[in-house]
Amino acid sequence: MPSEKDAATKHARILIVDDDSFSLSFLEAHLQRQGFDVLSAGSGKEALSLLQKQTADLVISDLVMPEMDGVQLMLAAKELHPTLPFIVFTAEGSVESAVTAIKLGALDYIQKPFDPKTFNVVLERTLEFGRLSSENKNLREHFRERFSFQNIVTQSPAMREALELAARVAASPRTTISLTGESGTGKEVLARAIHFASGCLPGNFVAVNCAAIPESLLESELFGHVRGAFTGADREREGKFSLARGGTVLLDEIGDMPLSLQVKLLRVLEERSFEKVGANTSQPADFRVIVATYRNLADLVQKGTFREDLFHRINVVPIAIPPLRKRSEDIPLLVAFFIDLFRQHQGKSLPGISKNAMDRLISYSWPGNVRELRNVLEYAAIMVSDELIRPDHLRLPGAKPASPGALASNRVDYTISLPPEELSLDAITRTVLDMTLEKCGGNKSEAAKMLKVNRKMFYR
């Protein structure tokens, strides 16, 4: 049975371009026999006109053509479709022209007259590369949208100030940024938003937790190593700095980085280059560095556990993220955001959250910050079906369901507001039942006692 990849490849649309009509017809027939959707053009200008009207998965073009040659066609086509893969045909003795085309963006070349088996291998390889490039582009756009600044909801003046500063520095992709804040405040989320807002950074986002990796392994993890660099290094390994080429490295918990590595990191930032462990040659450090920590680095400098020169080098643009307890006005926004997220993930209606439950969330101190809030709401979303999230659904330390004895004084206030078209005895009864259940923290037995009815009647 053909794989999904094979099916996608066989249904590809290929544009072939050649001013030699015999060669064009031969190639068109060869591709059609293999099940490809084929477009053909007898000149570069005709091919460009076709690409302005419709898309193609691959272009196979002769290099030498009048008016517009293969290289000129490729450069013009890539302005329309930047990821469009190209294969060029070249005659014997013109390999240098093909190499030039590859340097300018072609993926491969084939010499005329071509061998069908060799041609098919190059064709399949190029189509697969094009498919992966397209998927990578779509995935990158997905992450760019997911981690955009617009998805960081806030009404807090301090948080807005942090976001404005982050958005401004994102436009300077070589500037080092220092993010400070308690665990769970969203330092990595903000770092990703900065990365994806830096439009000129096509590379990866690579996060490294300096506190989670043993000191003996951290250097190799960051810099990589060559074979034989140390005992057990039986093969060469790329480090995080190499993987982040053209992108961003987040060094989380930078305050826990050993002093011996702090010296080497300082050199990377100063000289914009690094060496693999055991290597004699340098590689360019063409990536942005973002550091993050929950610790006060200035205090660590005073204690002698963090280098002062490195502190000043990474503290170019410091951004402080306030803890959730200092921006309680953001809690309703975050609750709405997470409930909508879990509504999509879990396929539930999730009507929302009750006022008592929201009050409890707002009054809680949130030592785990936004991460803890998300976890609490995810658990609650799993526990409910088609009902509001109530206080008894919230897993908060020390939280206990409310009871009638905890209600204020010996009078119970019920304020019922219904639109005229919904006003009925049934609606009022159901509203009273719901409000009583909420006042009792979801305890059905207590709610039934409070209304002086038995449990069965309460259910009915």
Protein backbone atom coordinates (compact mmCIF):
# COMPACT_ATOMS: atom_id res chain seq x y z
CA MET A 1 0.00 0.00 0.00
CA PRO A 2 1.49 3.39 -0.96
CA SER A 3 2.41 5.70 1.90
CA GLU A 4 0.91 9.14 2.44
CA LYS A 5 4.23 10.63 1.32
CA ASP A 6 4.24 8.58 -1.93
CA ALA A 7 0.65 9.59 -2.66
CA ALA A 8 1.45 13.25 -2.14
CA THR A 9 4.51 12.96 -4.39
CA LYS A 10 2.67 11.19 -7.21
CA HIS A 11 -0.06 13.84 -7.25
CA ALA A 12 2.46 16.65 -7.55
CA ARG A 13 2.14 19.27 -10.27
CA ILE A 14 5.37 19.72 -12.23
CA LEU A 15 6.12 22.59 -14.62
CA ILE A 16 8.67 21.71 -17.33
CA VAL A 17 10.33 24.45 -19.38
CA ASP A 18 12.40 23.92 -22.54
CA ASP A 19 12.65 25.73 -25.88
CA ASP A 20 13.41 22.38 -27.57
CA SER A 21 9.95 21.02 -28.47
CA PHE A 22 11.18 17.41 -28.89
CA SER A 23 12.84 17.40 -25.47
CA LEU A 24 9.76 19.04 -23.94
CA SER A 25 7.39 16.42 -25.39
CA PHE A 26 9.63 13.52 -24.35
CA LEU A 27 9.90 14.77 -20.77
CA GLU A 28 6.17 15.52 -20.57
CA ALA A 29 5.30 11.96 -21.67
CA HIS A 30 7.82 10.48 -19.19
CA LEU A 31 6.28 12.35 -16.27
CA GLN A 32 2.68 11.68 -17.28
CA ARG A 33 3.36 7.94 -17.41
CA GLN A 34 4.32 8.17 -13.73
CA GLY A 35 1.04 9.87 -12.86
CA PHE A 36 2.22 13.46 -12.41
CA ASP A 37 0.12 16.49 -13.29
CA VAL A 38 2.30 18.19 -15.92
CA LEU A 39 2.38 21.77 -17.16
CA SER A 40 4.72 22.68 -20.03
CA ALA A 41 6.15 25.91 -21.41
CA GLY A 42 8.39 26.56 -24.41
CA SER A 43 10.08 29.63 -22.92
CA GLY A 44 10.97 31.27 -19.63
CA LYS A 45 8.43 34.06 -20.16
CA GLU A 46 5.63 31.58 -20.86
CA ALA A 47 6.55 29.61 -17.72
CA LEU A 48 6.54 32.77 -15.58
CA SER A 49 3.11 33.68 -16.97
CA LEU A 50 1.81 30.23 -15.95
CA LEU A 51 3.24 30.61 -12.43
CA GLN A 52 1.48 33.94 -12.04
CA LYS A 53 -1.86 32.19 -12.61
CA GLN A 54 -1.38 28.86 -10.81
CA THR A 55 0.97 27.04 -8.48
CA ALA A 56 3.38 24.16 -9.06
CA ASP A 57 5.18 21.76 -6.73
CA LEU A 58 8.35 21.68 -8.83
CA VAL A 59 9.89 23.41 -11.85
CA ILE A 60 12.26 21.57 -14.20
CA SER A 61 13.86 24.05 -16.56
CA ASP A 62 16.48 24.09 -19.27
CA LEU A 63 19.30 26.49 -18.48
CA VAL A 64 20.03 27.88 -21.94
CA MET A 65 16.99 29.58 -23.48
CA PRO A 66 16.55 32.83 -25.45
CA GLU A 67 15.12 36.01 -23.85
CA MET A 68 14.85 34.51 -20.34
CA ASP A 69 17.24 31.70 -19.37
CA GLY A 70 16.72 29.15 -16.61
CA VAL A 71 18.47 31.18 -13.89
CA GLN A 72 16.49 34.33 -14.70
CA LEU A 73 13.27 32.30 -14.63
CA MET A 74 14.17 30.79 -11.26
CA LEU A 75 14.94 34.15 -9.66
CA ALA A 76 11.71 35.70 -11.00
CA ALA A 77 9.62 32.65 -9.97
CA LYS A 78 11.00 32.66 -6.42
CA GLU A 79 9.77 36.22 -5.99
CA LEU A 80 6.28 34.81 -6.55
CA HIS A 81 6.78 31.50 -4.68
CA PRO A 82 9.88 31.68 -2.39
CA THR A 83 9.91 27.95 -1.49
CA LEU A 84 9.29 26.65 -5.05
CA PRO A 85 11.92 23.93 -5.77
CA PHE A 86 13.88 24.00 -9.06
CA ILE A 87 15.81 21.38 -11.06
CA VAL A 88 17.82 22.63 -14.03
CA PHE A 89 18.82 20.80 -17.23
CA THR A 90 22.24 21.39 -18.65
CA ALA A 91 24.09 20.06 -21.68
CA GLU A 92 27.40 18.23 -21.41
CA GLY A 93 30.25 20.63 -20.82
CA SER A 94 28.02 23.22 -19.08
CA VAL A 95 28.24 21.91 -15.53
CA GLU A 96 29.68 25.22 -14.30
CA SER A 97 26.43 26.96 -15.28
CA ALA A 98 24.46 24.36 -13.33
CA VAL A 99 26.67 24.87 -10.27
CA THR A 100 26.02 28.61 -10.53
CA ALA A 101 22.28 27.93 -10.66
CA ILE A 102 22.53 25.78 -7.51
CA LYS A 103 24.37 28.55 -5.68
CA LEU A 104 21.49 30.89 -6.60
CA GLY A 105 18.76 28.54 -5.37
CA ALA A 106 18.32 25.47 -7.59
CA LEU A 107 18.18 22.20 -5.66
CA ASP A 108 19.81 19.93 -8.27
CA TYR A 109 20.76 19.61 -11.93
CA ILE A 110 20.54 16.87 -14.57
CA GLN A 111 22.71 16.55 -17.67
CA LYS A 112 21.20 16.00 -21.11
CA PRO A 113 20.59 13.44 -22.41
CA PHE A 114 19.30 12.18 -19.07
CA ASP A 115 19.18 8.66 -17.74
CA PRO A 116 15.55 7.89 -16.67
CA LYS A 117 16.58 6.04 -13.49
CA THR A 118 18.89 8.83 -12.35
CA PHE A 119 16.29 11.42 -13.29
CA ASN A 120 13.60 9.63 -11.23
CA VAL A 121 15.84 9.53 -8.15
CA VAL A 122 16.59 13.26 -8.41
CA LEU A 123 12.92 13.98 -9.05
CA GLU A 124 11.69 12.05 -6.01
CA ARG A 125 14.36 13.57 -3.76
CA THR A 126 13.54 17.11 -4.88
CA LEU A 127 9.78 16.66 -4.52
CA GLU A 128 10.26 15.27 -1.02
CA PHE A 129 12.47 18.23 -0.12
CA GLY A 130 9.83 20.60 -1.47
CA ARG A 131 7.10 18.83 0.52
CA LEU A 132 9.12 19.06 3.73
CA SER A 133 9.96 22.72 3.06
CA SER A 134 6.28 23.50 2.59
CA GLU A 135 5.35 21.63 5.79
CA ASN A 136 8.12 23.41 7.66
CA LYS A 137 6.88 26.78 6.39
CA ASN A 138 3.30 25.99 7.44
CA LEU A 139 4.49 24.75 10.83
CA ARG A 140 6.57 27.88 11.33
CA GLU A 141 3.55 30.04 10.48
CA HIS A 142 1.46 28.02 12.95
CA PHE A 143 3.99 28.61 15.73
CA ARG A 144 4.39 32.25 14.75
CA GLU A 145 0.63 32.69 15.23
CA ARG A 146 0.48 30.57 18.37
CA PHE A 147 3.33 32.39 20.11
CA SER A 148 2.52 35.91 18.92
CA PHE A 149 2.38 38.79 21.39
CA GLN A 150 -1.37 39.02 20.68
CA ASN A 151 -1.85 35.67 22.47
CA ILE A 152 -0.35 37.00 25.71
CA VAL A 153 -3.47 38.44 27.35
CA THR A 154 -3.06 41.15 29.98
CA GLN A 155 -4.61 44.26 31.53
CA SER A 156 -1.72 44.77 33.93
CA PRO A 157 0.28 47.99 33.35
CA ALA A 158 3.51 46.25 34.41
CA MET A 159 2.91 43.32 32.04
CA ARG A 160 1.97 45.66 29.20
CA GLU A 161 5.21 47.54 29.73
CA ALA A 162 7.16 44.27 29.56
CA LEU A 163 5.38 43.26 26.33
CA GLU A 164 5.96 46.64 24.71
CA LEU A 165 9.67 46.46 25.49
CA ALA A 166 9.84 42.85 24.22
CA ALA A 167 8.11 43.80 20.96
CA ARG A 168 10.53 46.68 20.45
CA VAL A 169 13.69 44.63 21.04
CA ALA A 170 12.39 41.81 18.82
CA ALA A 171 13.27 44.02 15.85
CA SER A 172 16.98 43.83 16.85
CA PRO A 173 17.71 40.11 16.34
CA ARG A 174 21.29 40.21 17.61
CA THR A 175 20.56 41.99 20.90
CA THR A 176 20.88 39.87 24.05
CA ILE A 177 17.79 39.90 26.27
CA SER A 178 17.50 39.06 29.96
CA LEU A 179 14.13 37.82 31.23
CA THR A 180 13.55 37.75 34.98
CA GLY A 181 10.56 36.45 36.90
CA GLU A 182 9.36 33.69 39.17
CA SER A 183 8.90 30.15 37.92
CA GLY A 184 5.72 29.78 35.90
CA THR A 185 5.32 33.45 34.95
CA GLY A 186 5.83 32.71 31.25
CA LYS A 187 9.47 33.53 30.54
CA GLU A 188 9.77 30.88 27.82
CA VAL A 189 6.44 31.93 26.29
CA LEU A 190 7.71 35.51 26.05
CA ALA A 191 11.06 34.32 24.65
CA ARG A 192 9.24 32.40 21.90
CA ALA A 193 7.09 35.45 21.12
CA ILE A 194 10.26 37.54 20.73
CA HIS A 195 11.79 34.89 18.46
CA PHE A 196 8.78 34.62 16.16
CA ALA A 197 8.31 38.41 16.10
CA SER A 198 11.88 38.74 14.78
CA GLY A 199 10.90 38.31 11.16
CA CYS A 200 14.50 38.07 9.97
CA LEU A 201 15.24 34.99 12.13
CA PRO A 202 14.56 31.94 9.94
CA GLY A 203 16.28 29.45 12.24
CA ASN A 204 15.14 27.33 15.18
CA PHE A 205 14.15 28.28 18.70
CA VAL A 206 16.27 26.16 21.07
CA ALA A 207 15.72 26.18 24.85
CA VAL A 208 18.30 24.87 27.32
CA ASN A 209 17.69 24.57 31.07
CA CYS A 210 21.11 25.19 32.61
CA ALA A 211 19.94 23.88 36.00
CA ALA A 212 18.66 20.56 34.65
CA ILE A 213 21.88 19.39 32.95
CA PRO A 214 24.89 18.16 35.00
CA GLU A 215 27.91 20.46 34.89
CA SER A 216 30.02 17.75 33.23
CA LEU A 217 27.59 17.53 30.30
CA LEU A 218 26.44 21.14 29.90
CA GLU A 219 29.44 22.30 27.85
CA SER A 220 28.98 19.52 25.31
CA GLU A 221 25.23 20.14 25.28
CA LEU A 222 25.77 23.78 24.35
CA PHE A 223 28.88 23.69 22.16
CA GLY A 224 28.80 20.15 20.80
CA HIS A 225 31.94 18.03 20.53
CA VAL A 226 34.16 16.26 18.01
CA ARG A 227 34.91 12.57 18.06
CA GLY A 228 37.51 11.68 20.69
CA ALA A 229 37.17 14.98 22.54
CA PHE A 230 36.75 13.10 25.82
CA THR A 231 36.15 9.58 27.11
CA GLY A 232 32.94 8.27 25.60
CA ALA A 233 32.87 10.75 22.70
CA ASP A 234 32.76 8.02 20.04
CA ARG A 235 31.15 10.28 17.42
CA GLU A 236 30.82 13.96 16.59
CA ARG A 237 27.79 15.74 18.05
CA GLU A 238 26.08 19.01 17.21
CA GLY A 239 25.40 21.25 20.21
CA LYS A 240 22.46 23.56 20.86
CA PHE A 241 24.39 26.53 19.48
CA SER A 242 24.78 24.76 16.15
CA LEU A 243 21.12 23.72 16.08
CA ALA A 244 20.05 27.33 16.72
CA ARG A 245 22.03 28.70 13.77
CA GLY A 246 20.10 31.64 12.36
CA GLY A 247 17.57 31.49 15.23
CA THR A 248 17.39 31.92 18.99
CA VAL A 249 18.92 30.19 22.01
CA LEU A 250 17.12 30.51 25.35
CA LEU A 251 19.46 29.84 28.27
CA ASP A 252 16.96 29.22 31.06
CA GLU A 253 18.11 29.42 34.71
CA ILE A 254 21.33 31.14 33.64
CA GLY A 255 22.08 31.80 37.31
CA ASP A 256 22.88 28.09 37.73
CA MET A 257 25.50 28.02 34.95
CA PRO A 258 28.94 26.99 36.32
CA LEU A 259 31.60 29.73 36.46
CA SER A 260 33.84 27.76 34.07
CA LEU A 261 31.13 27.91 31.40
CA GLN A 262 30.27 31.53 32.12
CA VAL A 263 33.72 32.50 30.78
CA LYS A 264 33.09 30.62 27.53
CA LEU A 265 29.60 32.09 27.14
CA LEU A 266 31.05 35.58 27.56
CA ARG A 267 33.46 34.84 24.71
CA VAL A 268 30.59 33.65 22.51
CA LEU A 269 28.73 36.91 23.12
CA GLU A 270 31.81 39.11 22.67
CA GLU A 271 33.38 37.42 19.64
CA ARG A 272 30.18 36.02 18.08
CA SER A 273 31.85 32.64 17.53
CA PHE A 274 32.29 29.33 19.34
CA GLU A 275 34.19 26.06 19.07
CA LYS A 276 33.02 22.51 19.61
CA VAL A 277 34.70 20.73 22.51
CA GLY A 278 37.97 19.33 21.16
CA ALA A 279 37.79 21.29 17.88
CA ASN A 280 40.39 23.71 16.51
CA THR A 281 38.09 25.66 14.21
CA SER A 282 35.47 28.25 15.12
CA GLN A 283 31.87 28.51 13.98
CA PRO A 284 29.90 31.77 13.76
CA ALA A 285 27.49 32.38 16.63
CA ASP A 286 24.80 33.68 14.28
CA PHE A 287 21.91 33.39 16.74
CA ARG A 288 20.20 35.58 19.28
CA VAL A 289 20.78 34.79 22.96
CA ILE A 290 17.96 35.20 25.48
CA VAL A 291 18.70 34.37 29.10
CA ALA A 292 16.10 33.76 31.80
CA THR A 293 16.25 33.37 35.55
CA TYR A 294 14.13 33.56 38.67
CA ARG A 295 17.19 34.53 40.71
CA ASN A 296 18.63 38.00 41.38
CA LEU A 297 21.82 37.97 39.32
CA ALA A 298 23.13 41.15 40.97
CA ASP A 299 23.03 39.32 44.34
CA LEU A 300 24.85 36.34 42.77
CA VAL A 301 27.54 38.73 41.52
CA GLN A 302 28.01 40.04 45.08
CA LYS A 303 28.30 36.45 46.34
CA GLY A 304 30.90 35.62 43.69
CA THR A 305 28.87 32.86 42.02
CA PHE A 306 28.14 34.85 38.85
CA ARG A 307 30.66 36.80 36.79
CA GLU A 308 30.17 40.55 36.86
CA ASP A 309 31.39 41.01 33.26
CA LEU A 310 28.91 38.41 32.01
CA PHE A 311 26.13 40.01 34.06
CA HIS A 312 26.67 43.34 32.32
CA ARG A 313 26.96 41.64 28.92
CA ILE A 314 23.64 39.79 29.16
CA ASN A 315 21.81 42.63 30.89
CA VAL A 316 21.58 44.72 27.72
CA VAL A 317 17.77 44.70 27.68
CA PRO A 318 16.35 43.44 31.01
CA ILE A 319 12.65 42.56 31.01
CA ALA A 320 10.93 41.79 34.32
CA ILE A 321 7.76 39.65 34.25
CA PRO A 322 5.55 40.32 37.30
CA PRO A 323 4.14 37.35 39.27
CA LEU A 324 0.45 36.54 38.86
CA ARG A 325 -0.41 37.62 42.41
CA LYS A 326 0.66 41.17 41.48
CA ARG A 327 -1.55 41.28 38.39
CA SER A 328 -4.79 39.71 39.61
CA GLU A 329 -6.68 41.81 37.03
CA ASP A 330 -5.29 39.38 34.44
CA ILE A 331 -6.83 36.29 36.05
CA PRO A 332 -10.31 36.61 34.42
CA LEU A 333 -8.63 37.11 31.02
CA LEU A 334 -6.38 34.11 31.49
CA VAL A 335 -9.27 31.98 32.74
CA ALA A 336 -11.32 32.81 29.64
CA PHE A 337 -8.29 32.09 27.41
CA PHE A 338 -7.57 28.70 28.99
CA ILE A 339 -11.21 27.59 29.10
CA ASP A 340 -11.52 28.37 25.39
CA LEU A 341 -8.29 26.42 24.79
CA PHE A 342 -9.53 23.37 26.72
CA ARG A 343 -12.90 23.64 25.00
CA GLN A 344 -11.07 23.07 21.71
CA HIS A 345 -8.71 20.38 23.04
CA GLN A 346 -11.31 18.34 24.93
CA GLY A 347 -14.27 18.80 22.60
CA LYS A 348 -16.56 19.95 25.42
CA SER A 349 -19.02 22.82 25.58
CA LEU A 350 -17.52 24.11 28.91
CA PRO A 351 -20.07 26.90 29.61
CA GLY A 352 -17.62 28.81 31.81
CA ILE A 353 -16.90 29.43 35.46
CA SER A 354 -19.12 30.43 38.38
CA LYS A 355 -18.64 33.71 40.25
CA ASN A 356 -17.65 31.94 43.48
CA ALA A 357 -15.02 29.92 41.65
CA MET A 358 -13.66 33.03 39.94
CA ASP A 359 -13.53 34.86 43.27
CA ARG A 360 -11.55 31.98 44.74
CA LEU A 361 -9.08 32.09 41.83
CA ILE A 362 -8.63 35.85 42.19
CA SER A 363 -8.03 35.65 45.95
CA TYR A 364 -5.51 32.78 45.69
CA SER A 365 -1.80 33.69 45.95
CA TRP A 366 -0.61 31.55 42.94
CA PRO A 367 2.91 30.50 43.99
CA GLY A 368 3.14 28.58 40.69
CA ASN A 369 1.91 31.60 38.70
CA VAL A 370 0.32 31.19 35.25
CA ARG A 371 1.54 27.60 34.91
CA GLU A 372 -0.30 26.64 38.10
CA LEU A 373 -3.46 28.47 36.97
CA ARG A 374 -3.44 26.56 33.70
CA ASN A 375 -3.04 23.22 35.49
CA VAL A 376 -5.86 24.00 37.93
CA LEU A 377 -8.20 24.95 35.10
CA GLU A 378 -7.25 21.94 32.98
CA TYR A 379 -8.15 19.61 35.85
CA ALA A 380 -11.43 21.46 36.38
CA ALA A 381 -12.26 21.26 32.66
CA ILE A 382 -11.75 17.49 32.78
CA MET A 383 -13.99 17.09 35.85
CA VAL A 384 -17.01 19.03 34.55
CA SER A 385 -19.36 18.04 31.74
CA ASP A 386 -21.94 20.64 30.65
CA GLU A 387 -21.86 22.72 33.80
CA LEU A 388 -20.07 25.77 35.14
CA ILE A 389 -16.74 25.25 36.88
CA ARG A 390 -17.47 25.58 40.62
CA PRO A 391 -15.20 25.96 43.64
CA ASP A 392 -15.24 22.20 44.34
CA HIS A 393 -13.73 21.59 40.89
CA LEU A 394 -10.66 23.67 41.72
CA ARG A 395 -7.63 21.81 43.07
CA LEU A 396 -6.16 24.54 45.26
CA PRO A 397 -4.09 23.85 48.40
CA GLY A 398 -6.24 24.28 51.49
CA ALA A 399 -9.41 24.89 49.48
CA LYS A 400 -12.50 23.25 50.96
CA PRO A 401 -16.06 23.21 49.67
CA ALA A 402 -18.21 25.92 51.21
CA SER A 403 -20.98 24.88 53.56
CA PRO A 404 -24.21 26.52 54.71
CA GLY A 405 -22.56 27.25 58.05
CA ALA A 406 -19.98 29.34 56.26
CA LEU A 407 -22.63 31.56 54.69
CA ALA A 408 -22.83 35.07 56.06
CA SER A 409 -25.34 35.69 58.88
CA ASN A 410 -28.67 33.90 59.03
CA ARG A 411 -30.06 35.46 55.87
CA VAL A 412 -29.32 34.20 52.34
CA ASP A 413 -29.36 36.69 49.50
CA TYR A 414 -30.71 35.53 46.12
CA THR A 415 -30.78 38.08 43.35
CA ILE A 416 -32.41 36.62 40.25
CA SER A 417 -32.36 38.45 36.95
CA LEU A 418 -33.98 36.90 33.87
CA PRO A 419 -35.08 38.42 30.55
CA PRO A 420 -38.91 38.59 30.19
CA GLU A 421 -39.00 35.98 27.43
CA GLU A 422 -37.24 33.45 29.71
CA LEU A 423 -39.20 34.21 32.87
CA SER A 424 -41.06 31.15 34.19
CA LEU A 425 -41.50 29.21 37.41
CA ASP A 426 -39.27 26.43 36.08
CA ALA A 427 -36.53 28.92 35.20
CA ILE A 428 -36.70 30.54 38.64
CA THR A 429 -36.61 27.13 40.35
CA ARG A 430 -33.61 25.99 38.36
CA THR A 431 -31.79 29.28 39.01
CA VAL A 432 -32.37 28.95 42.76
CA LEU A 433 -31.11 25.35 42.70
CA ASP A 434 -27.97 26.35 40.78
CA MET A 435 -27.25 29.29 43.08
CA THR A 436 -27.76 27.15 46.19
CA LEU A 437 -25.45 24.47 44.83
CA GLU A 438 -22.81 27.12 44.17
CA LYS A 439 -23.19 28.59 47.66
CA CYS A 440 -22.62 25.08 49.06
CA GLY A 441 -19.48 24.55 47.03
CA GLY A 442 -21.09 21.87 44.88
CA ASN A 443 -22.10 19.71 47.84
CA LYS A 444 -25.52 18.36 46.76
CA SER A 445 -26.47 16.98 50.19
CA GLU A 446 -25.78 20.34 51.85
CA ALA A 447 -27.72 22.16 49.12
CA ALA A 448 -30.71 19.84 49.62
CA LYS A 449 -30.60 20.45 53.41
CA MET A 450 -30.40 24.19 52.87
CA LEU A 451 -33.53 24.10 50.69
CA LYS A 452 -35.22 21.72 53.14
CA VAL A 453 -35.89 19.03 50.54
CA ASN A 454 -34.64 15.46 50.32
CA ARG A 455 -31.81 14.57 47.93
CA LYS A 456 -34.08 12.77 45.44
CA MET A 457 -36.39 15.75 45.13
CA PHE A 458 -33.33 18.01 44.73
CA TYR A 459 -32.16 15.89 41.78
CA ARG A 460 -35.63 15.97 40.20
